[in-house]
Amino acid sequence: MDPATLARTYYEAIDEDEYDRLRELLTAGFTQERSDRTFESREAFVSFMQHDRPDRDTTHEIEHVTATPDRVVVEGTLRRSNGDVWFRFADAFEIEDGQLASLRTYSI
């Protein structure tokens, strides 16, 4: 899967509550850094997305994707189920061996 498709598939898996699919996209050592917390493993991240995030009924609206073989940057908007904008984001993914290895999330 090319890097841009890999990133788009990541958002689809989250939006569609497909956590096994999400897990397959991430390396075992996957990490995510964001302003309010850091996830140090794939399992911690997937568990949060599945059980603990404040609103699971959201949709990632992708506006721009820039990709190289080892990095993808995605800009977009997270919308609530009623269509309202929750926040805008920029995600920077590092890719290793065809999987997402790390993610740094910026939100506004």
PDB file of N, CA and C in Angstrom:
ATOM      1  N   MET A   1       0.860  -1.171   0.000  1.00  0.00           N
ATOM      2  CA  MET A   1       0.000   0.000   0.000  1.00  0.00           C
ATOM      3  C   MET A   1       0.904   1.231   0.000  1.00  0.00           C
ATOM      4  N   ASP A   2       0.620   2.183  -0.881  1.00  0.00           N
ATOM      5  CA  ASP A   2       1.446   3.383  -0.918  1.00  0.00           C
ATOM      6  C   ASP A   2       1.180   4.236   0.329  1.00  0.00           C
ATOM      7  N   PRO A   3       2.127   5.128   0.696  1.00  0.00           N
ATOM      8  CA  PRO A   3       2.003   5.889   1.941  1.00  0.00           C
ATOM      9  C   PRO A   3       0.715   6.717   2.061  1.00  0.00           C
ATOM     10  N   ALA A   4       0.291   7.361   0.997  1.00  0.00           N
ATOM     11  CA  ALA A   4      -0.940   8.164   1.076  1.00  0.00           C
ATOM     12  C   ALA A   4      -2.153   7.278   1.335  1.00  0.00           C
ATOM     13  N   THR A   5      -2.234   6.145   0.674  1.00  0.00           N
ATOM     14  CA  THR A   5      -3.340   5.209   0.890  1.00  0.00           C
ATOM     15  C   THR A   5      -3.287   4.631   2.295  1.00  0.00           C
ATOM     16  N   LEU A   6      -2.100   4.357   2.785  1.00  0.00           N
ATOM     17  CA  LEU A   6      -1.933   3.862   4.150  1.00  0.00           C
ATOM     18  C   LEU A   6      -2.535   4.849   5.155  1.00  0.00           C
ATOM     19  N   ALA A   7      -2.233   6.125   4.989  1.00  0.00           N
ATOM     20  CA  ALA A   7      -2.776   7.141   5.895  1.00  0.00           C
ATOM     21  C   ALA A   7      -4.293   7.243   5.766  1.00  0.00           C
ATOM     22  N   ARG A   8      -4.798   7.248   4.558  1.00  0.00           N
ATOM     23  CA  ARG A   8      -6.260   7.330   4.367  1.00  0.00           C
ATOM     24  C   ARG A   8      -6.958   6.116   4.982  1.00  0.00           C
ATOM     25  N   THR A   9      -6.348   4.952   4.856  1.00  0.00           N
ATOM     26  CA  THR A   9      -6.913   3.735   5.433  1.00  0.00           C
ATOM     27  C   THR A   9      -6.937   3.809   6.956  1.00  0.00           C
ATOM     28  N   TYR A  10      -5.946   4.441   7.554  1.00  0.00           N
ATOM     29  CA  TYR A  10      -5.897   4.676   9.003  1.00  0.00           C
ATOM     30  C   TYR A  10      -7.156   5.419   9.462  1.00  0.00           C
ATOM     31  N   TYR A  11      -7.489   6.508   8.781  1.00  0.00           N
ATOM     32  CA  TYR A  11      -8.680   7.281   9.171  1.00  0.00           C
ATOM     33  C   TYR A  11      -9.966   6.495   8.927  1.00  0.00           C
ATOM     34  N   GLU A  12     -10.028   5.770   7.836  1.00  0.00           N
ATOM     35  CA  GLU A  12     -11.208   4.937   7.567  1.00  0.00           C
ATOM     36  C   GLU A  12     -11.413   3.906   8.674  1.00  0.00           C
ATOM     37  N   ALA A  13     -10.335   3.263   9.106  1.00  0.00           N
ATOM     38  CA  ALA A  13     -10.441   2.244  10.159  1.00  0.00           C
ATOM     39  C   ALA A  13     -10.977   2.860  11.448  1.00  0.00           C
ATOM     40  N   ILE A  14     -10.503   4.047  11.791  1.00  0.00           N
ATOM     41  CA  ILE A  14     -10.993   4.719  13.007  1.00  0.00           C
ATOM     42  C   ILE A  14     -12.457   5.113  12.841  1.00  0.00           C
ATOM     43  N   ASP A  15     -12.787   5.757  11.735  1.00  0.00           N
ATOM     44  CA  ASP A  15     -14.161   6.231  11.514  1.00  0.00           C
ATOM     45  C   ASP A  15     -15.166   5.086  11.459  1.00  0.00           C
ATOM     46  N   GLU A  16     -14.717   3.918  11.001  1.00  0.00           N
ATOM     47  CA  GLU A  16     -15.619   2.771  10.852  1.00  0.00           C
ATOM     48  C   GLU A  16     -15.515   1.799  12.025  1.00  0.00           C
ATOM     49  N   ASP A  17     -14.810   2.192  13.101  1.00  0.00           N
ATOM     50  CA  ASP A  17     -14.642   1.356  14.296  1.00  0.00           C
ATOM     51  C   ASP A  17     -14.078  -0.021  13.955  1.00  0.00           C
ATOM     52  N   GLU A  18     -13.119  -0.070  13.052  1.00  0.00           N
ATOM     53  CA  GLU A  18     -12.476  -1.323  12.642  1.00  0.00           C
ATOM     54  C   GLU A  18     -11.103  -1.415  13.313  1.00  0.00           C
ATOM     55  N   TYR A  19     -11.087  -1.817  14.571  1.00  0.00           N
ATOM     56  CA  TYR A  19      -9.873  -1.745  15.382  1.00  0.00           C
ATOM     57  C   TYR A  19      -8.862  -2.835  15.050  1.00  0.00           C
ATOM     58  N   ASP A  20      -9.299  -4.000  14.573  1.00  0.00           N
ATOM     59  CA  ASP A  20      -8.345  -5.003  14.108  1.00  0.00           C
ATOM     60  C   ASP A  20      -7.633  -4.500  12.851  1.00  0.00           C
ATOM     61  N   ARG A  21      -8.401  -3.883  11.981  1.00  0.00           N
ATOM     62  CA  ARG A  21      -7.821  -3.282  10.770  1.00  0.00           C
ATOM     63  C   ARG A  21      -6.834  -2.182  11.148  1.00  0.00           C
ATOM     64  N   LEU A  22      -7.200  -1.328  12.100  1.00  0.00           N
ATOM     65  CA  LEU A  22      -6.305  -0.269  12.572  1.00  0.00           C
ATOM     66  C   LEU A  22      -5.008  -0.871  13.110  1.00  0.00           C
ATOM     67  N   ARG A  23      -5.127  -1.889  13.936  1.00  0.00           N
ATOM     68  CA  ARG A  23      -3.963  -2.549  14.540  1.00  0.00           C
ATOM     69  C   ARG A  23      -2.999  -3.056  13.461  1.00  0.00           C
ATOM     70  N   GLU A  24      -3.535  -3.596  12.372  1.00  0.00           N
ATOM     71  CA  GLU A  24      -2.709  -4.127  11.285  1.00  0.00           C
ATOM     72  C   GLU A  24      -1.918  -3.044  10.553  1.00  0.00           C
ATOM     73  N   LEU A  25      -2.396  -1.813  10.596  1.00  0.00           N
ATOM     74  CA  LEU A  25      -1.714  -0.705   9.914  1.00  0.00           C
ATOM     75  C   LEU A  25      -0.519  -0.177  10.705  1.00  0.00           C
ATOM     76  N   LEU A  26      -0.466  -0.494  12.006  1.00  0.00           N
ATOM     77  CA  LEU A  26       0.528   0.086  12.916  1.00  0.00           C
ATOM     78  C   LEU A  26       1.620  -0.910  13.261  1.00  0.00           C
ATOM     79  N   THR A  27       2.860  -0.428  13.379  1.00  0.00           N
ATOM     80  CA  THR A  27       3.937  -1.292  13.865  1.00  0.00           C
ATOM     81  C   THR A  27       3.697  -1.591  15.342  1.00  0.00           C
ATOM     82  N   ALA A  28       4.302  -2.665  15.842  1.00  0.00           N
ATOM     83  CA  ALA A  28       4.154  -3.023  17.260  1.00  0.00           C
ATOM     84  C   ALA A  28       4.647  -1.902  18.164  1.00  0.00           C
ATOM     85  N   GLY A  29       5.661  -1.175  17.720  1.00  0.00           N
ATOM     86  CA  GLY A  29       6.217  -0.083  18.520  1.00  0.00           C
ATOM     87  C   GLY A  29       5.632   1.279  18.204  1.00  0.00           C
ATOM     88  N   PHE A  30       4.470   1.307  17.555  1.00  0.00           N
ATOM     89  CA  PHE A  30       3.824   2.567  17.182  1.00  0.00           C
ATOM     90  C   PHE A  30       3.692   3.500  18.378  1.00  0.00           C
ATOM     91  N   THR A  31       3.951   4.796  18.151  1.00  0.00           N
ATOM     92  CA  THR A  31       3.742   5.817  19.173  1.00  0.00           C
ATOM     93  C   THR A  31       2.956   6.973  18.563  1.00  0.00           C
ATOM     94  N   GLN A  32       2.211   7.650  19.422  1.00  0.00           N
ATOM     95  CA  GLN A  32       1.553   8.883  19.020  1.00  0.00           C
ATOM     96  C   GLN A  32       1.851   9.943  20.059  1.00  0.00           C
ATOM     97  N   GLU A  33       2.266  11.110  19.578  1.00  0.00           N
ATOM     98  CA  GLU A  33       2.461  12.278  20.441  1.00  0.00           C
ATOM     99  C   GLU A  33       1.427  13.318  20.051  1.00  0.00           C
ATOM    100  N   ARG A  34       0.757  13.848  21.053  1.00  0.00           N
ATOM    101  CA  ARG A  34      -0.179  14.943  20.842  1.00  0.00           C
ATOM    102  C   ARG A  34      -0.075  15.879  22.031  1.00  0.00           C
ATOM    103  N   SER A  35      -0.716  17.015  21.981  1.00  0.00           N
ATOM    104  CA  SER A  35      -0.517  18.031  23.011  1.00  0.00           C
ATOM    105  C   SER A  35      -0.944  17.583  24.401  1.00  0.00           C
ATOM    106  N   ASP A  36      -1.924  16.693  24.490  1.00  0.00           N
ATOM    107  CA  ASP A  36      -2.447  16.325  25.802  1.00  0.00           C
ATOM    108  C   ASP A  36      -1.979  14.974  26.315  1.00  0.00           C
ATOM    109  N   ARG A  37      -1.291  14.167  25.484  1.00  0.00           N
ATOM    110  CA  ARG A  37      -0.836  12.847  25.929  1.00  0.00           C
ATOM    111  C   ARG A  37       0.051  12.212  24.875  1.00  0.00           C
ATOM    112  N   THR A  38       0.729  11.159  25.305  1.00  0.00           N
ATOM    113  CA  THR A  38       1.554  10.349  24.410  1.00  0.00           C
ATOM    114  C   THR A  38       1.192   8.888  24.608  1.00  0.00           C
ATOM    115  N   PHE A  39       1.050   8.172  23.506  1.00  0.00           N
ATOM    116  CA  PHE A  39       0.819   6.726  23.562  1.00  0.00           C
ATOM    117  C   PHE A  39       2.122   6.047  23.161  1.00  0.00           C
ATOM    118  N   GLU A  40       2.575   5.139  24.000  1.00  0.00           N
ATOM    119  CA  GLU A  40       3.886   4.519  23.829  1.00  0.00           C
ATOM    120  C   GLU A  40       3.851   3.172  23.114  1.00  0.00           C
ATOM    121  N   SER A  41       2.674   2.688  22.745  1.00  0.00           N
ATOM    122  CA  SER A  41       2.598   1.400  22.063  1.00  0.00           C
ATOM    123  C   SER A  41       1.341   1.334  21.200  1.00  0.00           C
ATOM    124  N   ARG A  42       1.365   0.419  20.256  1.00  0.00           N
ATOM    125  CA  ARG A  42       0.201   0.190  19.400  1.00  0.00           C
ATOM    126  C   ARG A  42      -1.007  -0.185  20.245  1.00  0.00           C
ATOM    127  N   GLU A  43      -0.822  -1.092  21.209  1.00  0.00           N
ATOM    128  CA  GLU A  43      -1.954  -1.558  22.009  1.00  0.00           C
ATOM    129  C   GLU A  43      -2.570  -0.447  22.850  1.00  0.00           C
ATOM    130  N   ALA A  44      -1.741   0.419  23.430  1.00  0.00           N
ATOM    131  CA  ALA A  44      -2.270   1.547  24.218  1.00  0.00           C
ATOM    132  C   ALA A  44      -3.082   2.486  23.326  1.00  0.00           C
ATOM    133  N   PHE A  45      -2.572   2.749  22.133  1.00  0.00           N
ATOM    134  CA  PHE A  45      -3.261   3.639  21.203  1.00  0.00           C
ATOM    135  C   PHE A  45      -4.588   3.035  20.740  1.00  0.00           C
ATOM    136  N   VAL A  46      -4.560   1.782  20.304  1.00  0.00           N
ATOM    137  CA  VAL A  46      -5.788   1.141  19.811  1.00  0.00           C
ATOM    138  C   VAL A  46      -6.815   1.032  20.936  1.00  0.00           C
ATOM    139  N   SER A  47      -6.381   0.698  22.138  1.00  0.00           N
ATOM    140  CA  SER A  47      -7.302   0.617  23.276  1.00  0.00           C
ATOM    141  C   SER A  47      -7.969   1.962  23.537  1.00  0.00           C
ATOM    142  N   PHE A  48      -7.192   3.041  23.502  1.00  0.00           N
ATOM    143  CA  PHE A  48      -7.767   4.374  23.694  1.00  0.00           C
ATOM    144  C   PHE A  48      -8.793   4.680  22.608  1.00  0.00           C
ATOM    145  N   MET A  49      -8.434   4.416  21.357  1.00  0.00           N
ATOM    146  CA  MET A  49      -9.348   4.722  20.257  1.00  0.00           C
ATOM    147  C   MET A  49     -10.638   3.909  20.373  1.00  0.00           C
ATOM    148  N   GLN A  50     -10.526   2.689  20.840  1.00  0.00           N
ATOM    149  CA  GLN A  50     -11.691   1.808  20.925  1.00  0.00           C
ATOM    150  C   GLN A  50     -12.554   2.082  22.154  1.00  0.00           C
ATOM    151  N   HIS A  51     -11.935   2.411  23.283  1.00  0.00           N
ATOM    152  CA  HIS A  51     -12.686   2.464  24.536  1.00  0.00           C
ATOM    153  C   HIS A  51     -12.738   3.829  25.227  1.00  0.00           C
ATOM    154  N   ASP A  52     -11.743   4.675  25.043  1.00  0.00           N
ATOM    155  CA  ASP A  52     -11.612   5.843  25.910  1.00  0.00           C
ATOM    156  C   ASP A  52     -11.699   7.209  25.237  1.00  0.00           C
ATOM    157  N   ARG A  53     -11.733   7.268  23.941  1.00  0.00           N
ATOM    158  CA  ARG A  53     -11.780   8.610  23.343  1.00  0.00           C
ATOM    159  C   ARG A  53     -13.131   9.253  23.635  1.00  0.00           C
ATOM    160  N   PRO A  54     -13.139  10.556  23.760  1.00  0.00           N
ATOM    161  CA  PRO A  54     -14.355  11.241  24.229  1.00  0.00           C
ATOM    162  C   PRO A  54     -15.557  11.138  23.295  1.00  0.00           C
ATOM    163  N   ASP A  55     -15.330  10.958  22.000  1.00  0.00           N
ATOM    164  CA  ASP A  55     -16.445  10.842  21.061  1.00  0.00           C
ATOM    165  C   ASP A  55     -16.009   9.905  19.942  1.00  0.00           C
ATOM    166  N   ARG A  56     -16.654   8.757  19.833  1.00  0.00           N
ATOM    167  CA  ARG A  56     -16.298   7.787  18.795  1.00  0.00           C
ATOM    168  C   ARG A  56     -17.125   7.964  17.536  1.00  0.00           C
ATOM    169  N   ASP A  57     -18.142   8.793  17.580  1.00  0.00           N
ATOM    170  CA  ASP A  57     -19.021   8.990  16.430  1.00  0.00           C
ATOM    171  C   ASP A  57     -18.580  10.240  15.673  1.00  0.00           C
ATOM    172  N   THR A  58     -17.398  10.145  15.057  1.00  0.00           N
ATOM    173  CA  THR A  58     -16.810  11.264  14.338  1.00  0.00           C
ATOM    174  C   THR A  58     -16.364  10.808  12.956  1.00  0.00           C
ATOM    175  N   THR A  59     -16.064  11.787  12.118  1.00  0.00           N
ATOM    176  CA  THR A  59     -15.561  11.515  10.772  1.00  0.00           C
ATOM    177  C   THR A  59     -14.374  12.419  10.488  1.00  0.00           C
ATOM    178  N   HIS A  60     -13.296  11.819   9.994  1.00  0.00           N
ATOM    179  CA  HIS A  60     -12.122  12.587   9.574  1.00  0.00           C
ATOM    180  C   HIS A  60     -12.332  13.013   8.122  1.00  0.00           C
ATOM    181  N   GLU A  61     -12.339  14.293   7.896  1.00  0.00           N
ATOM    182  CA  GLU A  61     -12.471  14.837   6.546  1.00  0.00           C
ATOM    183  C   GLU A  61     -11.065  15.250   6.098  1.00  0.00           C
ATOM    184  N   ILE A  62     -10.505  14.516   5.159  1.00  0.00           N
ATOM    185  CA  ILE A  62      -9.141  14.749   4.697  1.00  0.00           C
ATOM    186  C   ILE A  62      -9.152  15.850   3.636  1.00  0.00           C
ATOM    187  N   GLU A  63      -8.306  16.866   3.845  1.00  0.00           N
ATOM    188  CA  GLU A  63      -8.252  17.993   2.918  1.00  0.00           C
ATOM    189  C   GLU A  63      -6.978  18.009   2.081  1.00  0.00           C
ATOM    190  N   HIS A  64      -5.885  17.493   2.637  1.00  0.00           N
ATOM    191  CA  HIS A  64      -4.620  17.528   1.905  1.00  0.00           C
ATOM    192  C   HIS A  64      -3.707  16.429   2.420  1.00  0.00           C
ATOM    193  N   VAL A  65      -3.044  15.735   1.505  1.00  0.00           N
ATOM    194  CA  VAL A  65      -2.091  14.684   1.866  1.00  0.00           C
ATOM    195  C   VAL A  65      -0.799  14.930   1.100  1.00  0.00           C
ATOM    196  N   THR A  66       0.316  14.943   1.821  1.00  0.00           N
ATOM    197  CA  THR A  66       1.641  15.034   1.218  1.00  0.00           C
ATOM    198  C   THR A  66       2.410  13.803   1.658  1.00  0.00           C
ATOM    199  N   ALA A  67       2.958  13.053   0.682  1.00  0.00           N
ATOM    200  CA  ALA A  67       3.598  11.790   1.030  1.00  0.00           C
ATOM    201  C   ALA A  67       4.947  11.627   0.348  1.00  0.00           C
ATOM    202  N   THR A  68       5.870  11.011   1.080  1.00  0.00           N
ATOM    203  CA  THR A  68       7.128  10.507   0.557  1.00  0.00           C
ATOM    204  C   THR A  68       7.160   9.031   0.943  1.00  0.00           C
ATOM    205  N   PRO A  69       8.147   8.272   0.522  1.00  0.00           N
ATOM    206  CA  PRO A  69       8.151   6.856   0.888  1.00  0.00           C
ATOM    207  C   PRO A  69       8.177   6.566   2.391  1.00  0.00           C
ATOM    208  N   ASP A  70       8.710   7.487   3.204  1.00  0.00           N
ATOM    209  CA  ASP A  70       8.811   7.209   4.638  1.00  0.00           C
ATOM    210  C   ASP A  70       8.070   8.203   5.533  1.00  0.00           C
ATOM    211  N   ARG A  71       7.268   9.084   4.935  1.00  0.00           N
ATOM    212  CA  ARG A  71       6.563  10.094   5.735  1.00  0.00           C
ATOM    213  C   ARG A  71       5.288  10.532   5.016  1.00  0.00           C
ATOM    214  N   VAL A  72       4.228  10.752   5.802  1.00  0.00           N
ATOM    215  CA  VAL A  72       2.971  11.281   5.269  1.00  0.00           C
ATOM    216  C   VAL A  72       2.483  12.376   6.205  1.00  0.00           C
ATOM    217  N   VAL A  73       2.080  13.493   5.631  1.00  0.00           N
ATOM    218  CA  VAL A  73       1.462  14.567   6.409  1.00  0.00           C
ATOM    219  C   VAL A  73       0.050  14.763   5.872  1.00  0.00           C
ATOM    220  N   VAL A  74      -0.904  14.746   6.794  1.00  0.00           N
ATOM    221  CA  VAL A  74      -2.320  14.865   6.442  1.00  0.00           C
ATOM    222  C   VAL A  74      -2.904  16.061   7.167  1.00  0.00           C
ATOM    223  N   GLU A  75      -3.612  16.894   6.425  1.00  0.00           N
ATOM    224  CA  GLU A  75      -4.351  18.010   7.018  1.00  0.00           C
ATOM    225  C   GLU A  75      -5.833  17.721   6.840  1.00  0.00           C
ATOM    226  N   GLY A  76      -6.614  18.041   7.870  1.00  0.00           N
ATOM    227  CA  GLY A  76      -8.035  17.778   7.762  1.00  0.00           C
ATOM    228  C   GLY A  76      -8.841  18.357   8.893  1.00  0.00           C
ATOM    229  N   THR A  77     -10.080  17.923   8.936  1.00  0.00           N
ATOM    230  CA  THR A  77     -11.048  18.379   9.918  1.00  0.00           C
ATOM    231  C   THR A  77     -11.719  17.165  10.543  1.00  0.00           C
ATOM    232  N   LEU A  78     -11.872  17.190  11.854  1.00  0.00           N
ATOM    233  CA  LEU A  78     -12.633  16.147  12.537  1.00  0.00           C
ATOM    234  C   LEU A  78     -14.037  16.699  12.776  1.00  0.00           C
ATOM    235  N   ARG A  79     -15.021  15.969  12.262  1.00  0.00           N
ATOM    236  CA  ARG A  79     -16.413  16.405  12.395  1.00  0.00           C
ATOM    237  C   ARG A  79     -17.176  15.475  13.322  1.00  0.00           C
ATOM    238  N   ARG A  80     -18.058  16.074  14.101  1.00  0.00           N
ATOM    239  CA  ARG A  80     -18.966  15.309  14.956  1.00  0.00           C
ATOM    240  C   ARG A  80     -20.068  14.702  14.086  1.00  0.00           C
ATOM    241  N   SER A  81     -20.848  13.813  14.663  1.00  0.00           N
ATOM    242  CA  SER A  81     -21.878  13.103  13.891  1.00  0.00           C
ATOM    243  C   SER A  81     -22.911  14.047  13.275  1.00  0.00           C
ATOM    244  N   ASN A  82     -23.129  15.217  13.866  1.00  0.00           N
ATOM    245  CA  ASN A  82     -24.099  16.171  13.317  1.00  0.00           C
ATOM    246  C   ASN A  82     -23.488  17.059  12.229  1.00  0.00           C
ATOM    247  N   GLY A  83     -22.197  16.829  11.905  1.00  0.00           N
ATOM    248  CA  GLY A  83     -21.528  17.602  10.861  1.00  0.00           C
ATOM    249  C   GLY A  83     -20.745  18.793  11.355  1.00  0.00           C
ATOM    250  N   ASP A  84     -20.925  19.154  12.626  1.00  0.00           N
ATOM    251  CA  ASP A  84     -20.178  20.286  13.182  1.00  0.00           C
ATOM    252  C   ASP A  84     -18.691  19.982  13.250  1.00  0.00           C
ATOM    253  N   VAL A  85     -17.879  21.007  13.018  1.00  0.00           N
ATOM    254  CA  VAL A  85     -16.429  20.862  13.147  1.00  0.00           C
ATOM    255  C   VAL A  85     -16.080  20.776  14.618  1.00  0.00           C
ATOM    256  N   TRP A  86     -15.347  19.727  14.992  1.00  0.00           N
ATOM    257  CA  TRP A  86     -14.840  19.609  16.363  1.00  0.00           C
ATOM    258  C   TRP A  86     -13.500  20.330  16.440  1.00  0.00           C
ATOM    259  N   PHE A  87     -12.579  19.971  15.521  1.00  0.00           N
ATOM    260  CA  PHE A  87     -11.307  20.685  15.411  1.00  0.00           C
ATOM    261  C   PHE A  87     -10.639  20.340  14.086  1.00  0.00           C
ATOM    262  N   ARG A  88      -9.686  21.172  13.714  1.00  0.00           N
ATOM    263  CA  ARG A  88      -8.833  20.914  12.547  1.00  0.00           C
ATOM    264  C   ARG A  88      -7.561  20.256  13.042  1.00  0.00           C
ATOM    265  N   PHE A  89      -6.925  19.461  12.188  1.00  0.00           N
ATOM    266  CA  PHE A  89      -5.718  18.750  12.602  1.00  0.00           C
ATOM    267  C   PHE A  89      -4.698  18.667  11.468  1.00  0.00           C
ATOM    268  N   ALA A  90      -3.462  18.451  11.867  1.00  0.00           N
ATOM    269  CA  ALA A  90      -2.388  18.063  10.955  1.00  0.00           C
ATOM    270  C   ALA A  90      -1.697  16.881  11.619  1.00  0.00           C
ATOM    271  N   ASP A  91      -1.595  15.784  10.902  1.00  0.00           N
ATOM    272  CA  ASP A  91      -0.946  14.577  11.406  1.00  0.00           C
ATOM    273  C   ASP A  91       0.294  14.291  10.573  1.00  0.00           C
ATOM    274  N   ALA A  92       1.400  14.041  11.245  1.00  0.00           N
ATOM    275  CA  ALA A  92       2.652  13.680  10.581  1.00  0.00           C
ATOM    276  C   ALA A  92       2.995  12.243  10.964  1.00  0.00           C
ATOM    277  N   PHE A  93       2.930  11.342   9.993  1.00  0.00           N
ATOM    278  CA  PHE A  93       3.209   9.919  10.193  1.00  0.00           C
ATOM    279  C   PHE A  93       4.611   9.584   9.687  1.00  0.00           C
ATOM    280  N   GLU A  94       5.298   8.715  10.414  1.00  0.00           N
ATOM    281  CA  GLU A  94       6.526   8.092   9.936  1.00  0.00           C
ATOM    282  C   GLU A  94       6.166   6.665   9.545  1.00  0.00           C
ATOM    283  N   ILE A  95       6.728   6.185   8.430  1.00  0.00           N
ATOM    284  CA  ILE A  95       6.404   4.858   7.915  1.00  0.00           C
ATOM    285  C   ILE A  95       7.649   3.972   7.951  1.00  0.00           C
ATOM    286  N   GLU A  96       7.450   2.739   8.401  1.00  0.00           N
ATOM    287  CA  GLU A  96       8.513   1.736   8.398  1.00  0.00           C
ATOM    288  C   GLU A  96       7.951   0.433   7.855  1.00  0.00           C
ATOM    289  N   ASP A  97       8.594  -0.117   6.864  1.00  0.00           N
ATOM    290  CA  ASP A  97       8.215  -1.413   6.295  1.00  0.00           C
ATOM    291  C   ASP A  97       6.719  -1.512   5.970  1.00  0.00           C
ATOM    292  N   GLY A  98       6.174  -0.456   5.391  1.00  0.00           N
ATOM    293  CA  GLY A  98       4.791  -0.487   4.950  1.00  0.00           C
ATOM    294  C   GLY A  98       3.743  -0.316   6.030  1.00  0.00           C
ATOM    295  N   GLN A  99       4.185   0.064   7.246  1.00  0.00           N
ATOM    296  CA  GLN A  99       3.236   0.312   8.337  1.00  0.00           C
ATOM    297  C   GLN A  99       3.505   1.685   8.949  1.00  0.00           C
ATOM    298  N   LEU A 100       2.525   2.184   9.667  1.00  0.00           N
ATOM    299  CA  LEU A 100       2.676   3.451  10.372  1.00  0.00           C
ATOM    300  C   LEU A 100       3.449   3.199  11.660  1.00  0.00           C
ATOM    301  N   ALA A 101       4.592   3.876  11.825  1.00  0.00           N
ATOM    302  CA  ALA A 101       5.467   3.650  12.974  1.00  0.00           C
ATOM    303  C   ALA A 101       5.293   4.699  14.057  1.00  0.00           C
ATOM    304  N   SER A 102       4.958   5.920  13.658  1.00  0.00           N
ATOM    305  CA  SER A 102       4.733   6.965  14.652  1.00  0.00           C
ATOM    306  C   SER A 102       3.830   8.033  14.055  1.00  0.00           C
ATOM    307  N   LEU A 103       3.259   8.792  14.961  1.00  0.00           N
ATOM    308  CA  LEU A 103       2.331   9.852  14.580  1.00  0.00           C
ATOM    309  C   LEU A 103       2.494  11.008  15.535  1.00  0.00           C
ATOM    310  N   ARG A 104       2.642  12.175  14.984  1.00  0.00           N
ATOM    311  CA  ARG A 104       2.617  13.408  15.779  1.00  0.00           C
ATOM    312  C   ARG A 104       1.394  14.196  15.315  1.00  0.00           C
ATOM    313  N   THR A 105       0.494  14.498  16.248  1.00  0.00           N
ATOM    314  CA  THR A 105      -0.765  15.152  15.931  1.00  0.00           C
ATOM    315  C   THR A 105      -0.758  16.592  16.439  1.00  0.00           C
ATOM    316  N   TYR A 106      -1.166  17.499  15.569  1.00  0.00           N
ATOM    317  CA  TYR A 106      -1.324  18.922  15.902  1.00  0.00           C
ATOM    318  C   TYR A 106      -2.790  19.260  15.667  1.00  0.00           C
ATOM    319  N   SER A 107      -3.411  19.958  16.604  1.00  0.00           N
ATOM    320  CA  SER A 107      -4.815  20.329  16.411  1.00  0.00           C
ATOM    321  C   SER A 107      -5.024  21.807  16.703  1.00  0.00           C
ATOM    322  N   ILE A 108      -6.029  22.355  16.006  1.00  0.00           N
ATOM    323  CA  ILE A 108      -6.394  23.763  16.192  1.00  0.00           C
ATOM    324  C   ILE A 108      -7.905  23.865  16.311  1.00  0.00           C
TER     325      ILE A 108
END
